[in-house]
Amino acid sequence: MIVTDQREAETEDVAPAKPRPRRMLNEKQVLEIIPVGRTTLYRMEKSGRFPKATYISPNRRVWFEDEIIGKRLAGTLASGSE
């Protein structure tokens, strides 16, 4: 019981780590990671095989790096043949 109280006290004193901001990638950066053409990228996005882009302004689309890397590591991205 004393050990449990001591552990709780230790965890309360430590500040939680700040979450890092999500890195946003433009189209050129995405195409460097995923070696496909622009048209293939848009087709993959439309079919749901690639994460959807987010508009940060009317003409500026970005993808979140963690989503792309997650899909790539999961092996759900095509290897470029389409």
PDB file of N, CA and C in Angstrom:
ATOM      1  N   MET A   1       0.821  -1.191   0.000  1.00  0.00           N
ATOM      2  CA  MET A   1       0.000   0.000   0.000  1.00  0.00           C
ATOM      3  C   MET A   1       0.861   1.248   0.000  1.00  0.00           C
ATOM      4  N   ILE A   2       1.923   1.248   0.755  1.00  0.00           N
ATOM      5  CA  ILE A   2       2.826   2.399   0.796  1.00  0.00           C
ATOM      6  C   ILE A   2       3.537   2.548  -0.539  1.00  0.00           C
ATOM      7  N   VAL A   3       3.912   1.432  -1.166  1.00  0.00           N
ATOM      8  CA  VAL A   3       4.590   1.474  -2.455  1.00  0.00           C
ATOM      9  C   VAL A   3       3.671   2.075  -3.509  1.00  0.00           C
ATOM     10  N   THR A   4       2.412   1.686  -3.504  1.00  0.00           N
ATOM     11  CA  THR A   4       1.450   2.213  -4.449  1.00  0.00           C
ATOM     12  C   THR A   4       1.286   3.716  -4.279  1.00  0.00           C
ATOM     13  N   ASP A   5       1.168   4.187  -3.045  1.00  0.00           N
ATOM     14  CA  ASP A   5       1.025   5.619  -2.787  1.00  0.00           C
ATOM     15  C   ASP A   5       2.260   6.379  -3.253  1.00  0.00           C
ATOM     16  N   GLN A   6       3.422   5.777  -3.074  1.00  0.00           N
ATOM     17  CA  GLN A   6       4.665   6.428  -3.474  1.00  0.00           C
ATOM     18  C   GLN A   6       4.726   6.539  -5.000  1.00  0.00           C
ATOM     19  N   ARG A   7       4.312   5.504  -5.730  1.00  0.00           N
ATOM     20  CA  ARG A   7       4.314   5.531  -7.191  1.00  0.00           C
ATOM     21  C   ARG A   7       3.354   6.598  -7.705  1.00  0.00           C
ATOM     22  N   GLU A   8       2.189   6.702  -7.094  1.00  0.00           N
ATOM     23  CA  GLU A   8       1.224   7.719  -7.504  1.00  0.00           C
ATOM     24  C   GLU A   8       1.795   9.113  -7.302  1.00  0.00           C
ATOM     25  N   ALA A   9       2.482   9.317  -6.202  1.00  0.00           N
ATOM     26  CA  ALA A   9       3.079  10.616  -5.923  1.00  0.00           C
ATOM     27  C   ALA A   9       4.163  10.939  -6.947  1.00  0.00           C
ATOM     28  N   GLU A  10       4.947   9.940  -7.338  1.00  0.00           N
ATOM     29  CA  GLU A  10       5.997  10.157  -8.319  1.00  0.00           C
ATOM     30  C   GLU A  10       5.416  10.529  -9.676  1.00  0.00           C
ATOM     31  N   THR A  11       4.352   9.884 -10.084  1.00  0.00           N
ATOM     32  CA  THR A  11       3.772  10.181 -11.387  1.00  0.00           C
ATOM     33  C   THR A  11       3.056  11.512 -11.406  1.00  0.00           C
ATOM     34  N   GLU A  12       2.563  11.982 -10.287  1.00  0.00           N
ATOM     35  CA  GLU A  12       1.881  13.270 -10.241  1.00  0.00           C
ATOM     36  C   GLU A  12       2.868  14.424 -10.366  1.00  0.00           C
ATOM     37  N   ASP A  13       4.104  14.240  -9.900  1.00  0.00           N
ATOM     38  CA  ASP A  13       5.096  15.301  -9.937  1.00  0.00           C
ATOM     39  C   ASP A  13       5.677  15.506 -11.336  1.00  0.00           C
ATOM     40  N   VAL A  14       5.639  14.489 -12.168  1.00  0.00           N
ATOM     41  CA  VAL A  14       6.222  14.568 -13.496  1.00  0.00           C
ATOM     42  C   VAL A  14       5.200  15.168 -14.457  1.00  0.00           C
ATOM     43  N   ALA A  15       5.619  16.218 -15.163  1.00  0.00           N
ATOM     44  CA  ALA A  15       4.724  16.856 -16.132  1.00  0.00           C
ATOM     45  C   ALA A  15       4.595  15.956 -17.357  1.00  0.00           C
ATOM     46  N   PRO A  16       3.402  15.882 -17.923  1.00  0.00           N
ATOM     47  CA  PRO A  16       3.232  15.058 -19.121  1.00  0.00           C
ATOM     48  C   PRO A  16       4.021  15.649 -20.292  1.00  0.00           C
ATOM     49  N   ALA A  17       4.546  14.781 -21.132  1.00  0.00           N
ATOM     50  CA  ALA A  17       5.312  15.235 -22.288  1.00  0.00           C
ATOM     51  C   ALA A  17       4.391  15.939 -23.273  1.00  0.00           C
ATOM     52  N   LYS A  18       4.889  17.020 -23.850  1.00  0.00           N
ATOM     53  CA  LYS A  18       4.090  17.746 -24.828  1.00  0.00           C
ATOM     54  C   LYS A  18       4.020  16.944 -26.115  1.00  0.00           C
ATOM     55  N   PRO A  19       2.844  16.835 -26.687  1.00  0.00           N
ATOM     56  CA  PRO A  19       2.758  16.143 -27.974  1.00  0.00           C
ATOM     57  C   PRO A  19       3.404  17.008 -29.057  1.00  0.00           C
ATOM     58  N   ARG A  20       4.121  16.354 -29.937  1.00  0.00           N
ATOM     59  CA  ARG A  20       4.763  17.086 -31.029  1.00  0.00           C
ATOM     60  C   ARG A  20       3.723  17.457 -32.070  1.00  0.00           C
ATOM     61  N   PRO A  21       3.881  18.598 -32.733  1.00  0.00           N
ATOM     62  CA  PRO A  21       2.936  18.953 -33.797  1.00  0.00           C
ATOM     63  C   PRO A  21       3.080  17.988 -34.972  1.00  0.00           C
ATOM     64  N   ARG A  22       1.983  17.737 -35.640  1.00  0.00           N
ATOM     65  CA  ARG A  22       2.001  16.823 -36.778  1.00  0.00           C
ATOM     66  C   ARG A  22       2.655  17.513 -37.967  1.00  0.00           C
ATOM     67  N   ARG A  23       3.580  16.828 -38.601  1.00  0.00           N
ATOM     68  CA  ARG A  23       4.280  17.393 -39.743  1.00  0.00           C
ATOM     69  C   ARG A  23       3.403  17.281 -40.983  1.00  0.00           C
ATOM     70  N   MET A  24       3.293  18.389 -41.713  1.00  0.00           N
ATOM     71  CA  MET A  24       2.496  18.425 -42.928  1.00  0.00           C
ATOM     72  C   MET A  24       3.421  18.383 -44.138  1.00  0.00           C
ATOM     73  N   LEU A  25       3.052  17.581 -45.126  1.00  0.00           N
ATOM     74  CA  LEU A  25       3.858  17.426 -46.333  1.00  0.00           C
ATOM     75  C   LEU A  25       3.092  17.930 -47.543  1.00  0.00           C
ATOM     76  N   ASN A  26       3.793  18.635 -48.430  1.00  0.00           N
ATOM     77  CA  ASN A  26       3.147  19.047 -49.672  1.00  0.00           C
ATOM     78  C   ASN A  26       3.245  17.906 -50.684  1.00  0.00           C
ATOM     79  N   GLU A  27       2.697  18.116 -51.865  1.00  0.00           N
ATOM     80  CA  GLU A  27       2.640  17.046 -52.867  1.00  0.00           C
ATOM     81  C   GLU A  27       4.032  16.563 -53.272  1.00  0.00           C
ATOM     82  N   LYS A  28       4.950  17.472 -53.457  1.00  0.00           N
ATOM     83  CA  LYS A  28       6.306  17.093 -53.859  1.00  0.00           C
ATOM     84  C   LYS A  28       6.956  16.197 -52.805  1.00  0.00           C
ATOM     85  N   GLN A  29       6.793  16.533 -51.543  1.00  0.00           N
ATOM     86  CA  GLN A  29       7.366  15.733 -50.465  1.00  0.00           C
ATOM     87  C   GLN A  29       6.720  14.353 -50.389  1.00  0.00           C
ATOM     88  N   VAL A  30       5.416  14.291 -50.607  1.00  0.00           N
ATOM     89  CA  VAL A  30       4.709  13.002 -50.586  1.00  0.00           C
ATOM     90  C   VAL A  30       5.207  12.114 -51.722  1.00  0.00           C
ATOM     91  N   LEU A  31       5.378  12.698 -52.899  1.00  0.00           N
ATOM     92  CA  LEU A  31       5.823  11.910 -54.049  1.00  0.00           C
ATOM     93  C   LEU A  31       7.262  11.429 -53.897  1.00  0.00           C
ATOM     94  N   GLU A  32       8.055  12.080 -53.045  1.00  0.00           N
ATOM     95  CA  GLU A  32       9.399  11.586 -52.753  1.00  0.00           C
ATOM     96  C   GLU A  32       9.339  10.346 -51.851  1.00  0.00           C
ATOM     97  N   ILE A  33       8.346  10.303 -50.967  1.00  0.00           N
ATOM     98  CA  ILE A  33       8.188   9.168 -50.055  1.00  0.00           C
ATOM     99  C   ILE A  33       7.531   7.994 -50.767  1.00  0.00           C
ATOM    100  N   ILE A  34       6.474   8.284 -51.511  1.00  0.00           N
ATOM    101  CA  ILE A  34       5.711   7.266 -52.234  1.00  0.00           C
ATOM    102  C   ILE A  34       6.005   7.442 -53.718  1.00  0.00           C
ATOM    103  N   PRO A  35       6.830   6.594 -54.299  1.00  0.00           N
ATOM    104  CA  PRO A  35       7.258   6.801 -55.700  1.00  0.00           C
ATOM    105  C   PRO A  35       6.187   6.433 -56.726  1.00  0.00           C
ATOM    106  N   VAL A  36       5.195   7.280 -56.847  1.00  0.00           N
ATOM    107  CA  VAL A  36       4.148   7.131 -57.866  1.00  0.00           C
ATOM    108  C   VAL A  36       3.969   8.483 -58.541  1.00  0.00           C
ATOM    109  N   GLY A  37       3.219   8.523 -59.613  1.00  0.00           N
ATOM    110  CA  GLY A  37       2.924   9.777 -60.294  1.00  0.00           C
ATOM    111  C   GLY A  37       1.785  10.519 -59.621  1.00  0.00           C
ATOM    112  N   ARG A  38       1.597  11.774 -60.030  1.00  0.00           N
ATOM    113  CA  ARG A  38       0.526  12.593 -59.452  1.00  0.00           C
ATOM    114  C   ARG A  38      -0.844  11.970 -59.665  1.00  0.00           C
ATOM    115  N   THR A  39      -1.080  11.526 -60.885  1.00  0.00           N
ATOM    116  CA  THR A  39      -2.395  10.957 -61.205  1.00  0.00           C
ATOM    117  C   THR A  39      -2.657   9.704 -60.375  1.00  0.00           C
ATOM    118  N   THR A  40      -1.648   8.861 -60.241  1.00  0.00           N
ATOM    119  CA  THR A  40      -1.793   7.649 -59.432  1.00  0.00           C
ATOM    120  C   THR A  40      -2.062   8.011 -57.983  1.00  0.00           C
ATOM    121  N   LEU A  41      -1.382   9.034 -57.481  1.00  0.00           N
ATOM    122  CA  LEU A  41      -1.604   9.484 -56.105  1.00  0.00           C
ATOM    123  C   LEU A  41      -3.067   9.888 -55.903  1.00  0.00           C
ATOM    124  N   TYR A  42      -3.604  10.670 -56.825  1.00  0.00           N
ATOM    125  CA  TYR A  42      -4.997  11.101 -56.696  1.00  0.00           C
ATOM    126  C   TYR A  42      -5.966   9.931 -56.837  1.00  0.00           C
ATOM    127  N   ARG A  43      -5.666   8.990 -57.714  1.00  0.00           N
ATOM    128  CA  ARG A  43      -6.527   7.803 -57.844  1.00  0.00           C
ATOM    129  C   ARG A  43      -6.514   6.964 -56.564  1.00  0.00           C
ATOM    130  N   MET A  44      -5.323   6.812 -55.980  1.00  0.00           N
ATOM    131  CA  MET A  44      -5.213   6.054 -54.732  1.00  0.00           C
ATOM    132  C   MET A  44      -5.980   6.752 -53.616  1.00  0.00           C
ATOM    133  N   GLU A  45      -5.893   8.064 -53.584  1.00  0.00           N
ATOM    134  CA  GLU A  45      -6.619   8.830 -52.564  1.00  0.00           C
ATOM    135  C   GLU A  45      -8.131   8.696 -52.757  1.00  0.00           C
ATOM    136  N   LYS A  46      -8.564   8.786 -53.989  1.00  0.00           N
ATOM    137  CA  LYS A  46      -9.999   8.687 -54.288  1.00  0.00           C
ATOM    138  C   LYS A  46     -10.557   7.309 -53.952  1.00  0.00           C
ATOM    139  N   SER A  47      -9.752   6.264 -54.180  1.00  0.00           N
ATOM    140  CA  SER A  47     -10.226   4.904 -53.916  1.00  0.00           C
ATOM    141  C   SER A  47     -10.093   4.507 -52.444  1.00  0.00           C
ATOM    142  N   GLY A  48      -9.428   5.350 -51.648  1.00  0.00           N
ATOM    143  CA  GLY A  48      -9.283   5.054 -50.228  1.00  0.00           C
ATOM    144  C   GLY A  48      -8.020   4.296 -49.868  1.00  0.00           C
ATOM    145  N   ARG A  49      -7.122   4.078 -50.843  1.00  0.00           N
ATOM    146  CA  ARG A  49      -5.872   3.364 -50.572  1.00  0.00           C
ATOM    147  C   ARG A  49      -4.766   4.301 -50.095  1.00  0.00           C
ATOM    148  N   PHE A  50      -5.054   5.579 -50.002  1.00  0.00           N
ATOM    149  CA  PHE A  50      -4.085   6.571 -49.561  1.00  0.00           C
ATOM    150  C   PHE A  50      -4.824   7.589 -48.699  1.00  0.00           C
ATOM    151  N   PRO A  51      -4.168   8.114 -47.651  1.00  0.00           N
ATOM    152  CA  PRO A  51      -4.850   9.093 -46.785  1.00  0.00           C
ATOM    153  C   PRO A  51      -5.313  10.331 -47.561  1.00  0.00           C
ATOM    154  N   LYS A  52      -6.437  10.865 -47.177  1.00  0.00           N
ATOM    155  CA  LYS A  52      -6.976  12.058 -47.823  1.00  0.00           C
ATOM    156  C   LYS A  52      -6.149  13.282 -47.445  1.00  0.00           C
ATOM    157  N   ALA A  53      -5.993  14.181 -48.404  1.00  0.00           N
ATOM    158  CA  ALA A  53      -5.285  15.434 -48.160  1.00  0.00           C
ATOM    159  C   ALA A  53      -6.198  16.389 -47.402  1.00  0.00           C
ATOM    160  N   THR A  54      -5.580  17.349 -46.755  1.00  0.00           N
ATOM    161  CA  THR A  54      -6.305  18.383 -46.028  1.00  0.00           C
ATOM    162  C   THR A  54      -5.992  19.720 -46.681  1.00  0.00           C
ATOM    163  N   TYR A  55      -7.017  20.503 -46.930  1.00  0.00           N
ATOM    164  CA  TYR A  55      -6.808  21.839 -47.488  1.00  0.00           C
ATOM    165  C   TYR A  55      -6.535  22.808 -46.349  1.00  0.00           C
ATOM    166  N   ILE A  56      -5.389  23.499 -46.422  1.00  0.00           N
ATOM    167  CA  ILE A  56      -5.085  24.502 -45.405  1.00  0.00           C
ATOM    168  C   ILE A  56      -5.352  25.902 -45.938  1.00  0.00           C
ATOM    169  N   SER A  57      -5.613  25.998 -47.231  1.00  0.00           N
ATOM    170  CA  SER A  57      -6.088  27.219 -47.878  1.00  0.00           C
ATOM    171  C   SER A  57      -6.759  26.765 -49.174  1.00  0.00           C
ATOM    172  N   PRO A  58      -7.424  27.646 -49.889  1.00  0.00           N
ATOM    173  CA  PRO A  58      -8.163  27.189 -51.079  1.00  0.00           C
ATOM    174  C   PRO A  58      -7.322  26.429 -52.110  1.00  0.00           C
ATOM    175  N   ASN A  59      -6.059  26.757 -52.249  1.00  0.00           N
ATOM    176  CA  ASN A  59      -5.220  26.102 -53.259  1.00  0.00           C
ATOM    177  C   ASN A  59      -4.035  25.354 -52.669  1.00  0.00           C
ATOM    178  N   ARG A  60      -4.079  25.042 -51.411  1.00  0.00           N
ATOM    179  CA  ARG A  60      -2.938  24.405 -50.742  1.00  0.00           C
ATOM    180  C   ARG A  60      -3.395  23.141 -50.037  1.00  0.00           C
ATOM    181  N   ARG A  61      -2.934  21.981 -50.561  1.00  0.00           N
ATOM    182  CA  ARG A  61      -3.267  20.681 -49.977  1.00  0.00           C
ATOM    183  C   ARG A  61      -2.040  20.128 -49.286  1.00  0.00           C
ATOM    184  N   VAL A  62      -2.252  19.508 -48.143  1.00  0.00           N
ATOM    185  CA  VAL A  62      -1.156  18.858 -47.412  1.00  0.00           C
ATOM    186  C   VAL A  62      -1.633  17.501 -46.908  1.00  0.00           C
ATOM    187  N   TRP A  63      -0.676  16.642 -46.669  1.00  0.00           N
ATOM    188  CA  TRP A  63      -0.926  15.349 -46.072  1.00  0.00           C
ATOM    189  C   TRP A  63      -0.150  15.303 -44.767  1.00  0.00           C
ATOM    190  N   PHE A  64      -0.657  14.569 -43.796  1.00  0.00           N
ATOM    191  CA  PHE A  64       0.049  14.427 -42.531  1.00  0.00           C
ATOM    192  C   PHE A  64       1.036  13.267 -42.648  1.00  0.00           C
ATOM    193  N   GLU A  65       2.268  13.550 -42.283  1.00  0.00           N
ATOM    194  CA  GLU A  65       3.347  12.573 -42.432  1.00  0.00           C
ATOM    195  C   GLU A  65       3.062  11.286 -41.662  1.00  0.00           C
ATOM    196  N   ASP A  66       2.523  11.396 -40.454  1.00  0.00           N
ATOM    197  CA  ASP A  66       2.292  10.195 -39.652  1.00  0.00           C
ATOM    198  C   ASP A  66       1.282   9.257 -40.309  1.00  0.00           C
ATOM    199  N   GLU A  67       0.296   9.797 -41.012  1.00  0.00           N
ATOM    200  CA  GLU A  67      -0.676   8.951 -41.704  1.00  0.00           C
ATOM    201  C   GLU A  67      -0.033   8.215 -42.879  1.00  0.00           C
ATOM    202  N   ILE A  68       0.820   8.925 -43.618  1.00  0.00           N
ATOM    203  CA  ILE A  68       1.478   8.314 -44.775  1.00  0.00           C
ATOM    204  C   ILE A  68       2.449   7.231 -44.324  1.00  0.00           C
ATOM    205  N   ILE A  69       3.252   7.533 -43.322  1.00  0.00           N
ATOM    206  CA  ILE A  69       4.210   6.553 -42.821  1.00  0.00           C
ATOM    207  C   ILE A  69       3.477   5.346 -42.233  1.00  0.00           C
ATOM    208  N   GLY A  70       2.371   5.594 -41.545  1.00  0.00           N
ATOM    209  CA  GLY A  70       1.588   4.493 -40.983  1.00  0.00           C
ATOM    210  C   GLY A  70       1.051   3.566 -42.058  1.00  0.00           C
ATOM    211  N   LYS A  71       0.529   4.128 -43.131  1.00  0.00           N
ATOM    212  CA  LYS A  71       0.025   3.314 -44.241  1.00  0.00           C
ATOM    213  C   LYS A  71       1.163   2.551 -44.902  1.00  0.00           C
ATOM    214  N   ARG A  72       2.296   3.232 -45.050  1.00  0.00           N
ATOM    215  CA  ARG A  72       3.441   2.606 -45.703  1.00  0.00           C
ATOM    216  C   ARG A  72       3.974   1.437 -44.877  1.00  0.00           C
ATOM    217  N   LEU A  73       4.059   1.626 -43.570  1.00  0.00           N
ATOM    218  CA  LEU A  73       4.542   0.555 -42.695  1.00  0.00           C
ATOM    219  C   LEU A  73       3.557  -0.597 -42.619  1.00  0.00           C
ATOM    220  N   ALA A  74       2.267  -0.281 -42.741  1.00  0.00           N
ATOM    221  CA  ALA A  74       1.255  -1.328 -42.708  1.00  0.00           C
ATOM    222  C   ALA A  74       1.240  -2.138 -44.003  1.00  0.00           C
ATOM    223  N   GLY A  75       1.939  -1.631 -45.015  1.00  0.00           N
ATOM    224  CA  GLY A  75       2.008  -2.354 -46.282  1.00  0.00           C
ATOM    225  C   GLY A  75       0.769  -2.234 -47.124  1.00  0.00           C
ATOM    226  N   THR A  76      -0.050  -1.210 -46.869  1.00  0.00           N
ATOM    227  CA  THR A  76      -1.291  -1.048 -47.622  1.00  0.00           C
ATOM    228  C   THR A  76      -1.138  -0.119 -48.817  1.00  0.00           C
ATOM    229  N   LEU A  77       0.054   0.454 -49.013  1.00  0.00           N
ATOM    230  CA  LEU A  77       0.271   1.316 -50.156  1.00  0.00           C
ATOM    231  C   LEU A  77       0.810   0.502 -51.311  1.00  0.00           C
ATOM    232  N   ALA A  78       0.373   0.850 -52.511  1.00  0.00           N
ATOM    233  CA  ALA A  78       0.864   0.156 -53.702  1.00  0.00           C
ATOM    234  C   ALA A  78       2.330   0.503 -53.893  1.00  0.00           C
ATOM    235  N   SER A  79       3.057  -0.386 -54.528  1.00  0.00           N
ATOM    236  CA  SER A  79       4.487  -0.174 -54.749  1.00  0.00           C
ATOM    237  C   SER A  79       4.755   0.656 -55.976  1.00  0.00           C
ATOM    238  N   GLY A  80       3.733   1.270 -56.536  1.00  0.00           N
ATOM    239  CA  GLY A  80       3.929   2.147 -57.679  1.00  0.00           C
ATOM    240  C   GLY A  80       3.426   1.563 -58.981  1.00  0.00           C
ATOM    241  N   SER A  81       3.008   0.331 -59.013  1.00  0.00           N
ATOM    242  CA  SER A  81       2.513  -0.278 -60.250  1.00  0.00           C
ATOM    243  C   SER A  81       1.004  -0.142 -60.325  1.00  0.00           C
ATOM    244  N   GLU A  82       0.573   0.626 -61.299  1.00  0.00           N
ATOM    245  CA  GLU A  82      -0.876   0.783 -61.492  1.00  0.00           C
ATOM    246  C   GLU A  82      -1.152   1.067 -62.923  1.00  0.00           C
TER     247      GLU A  82
END
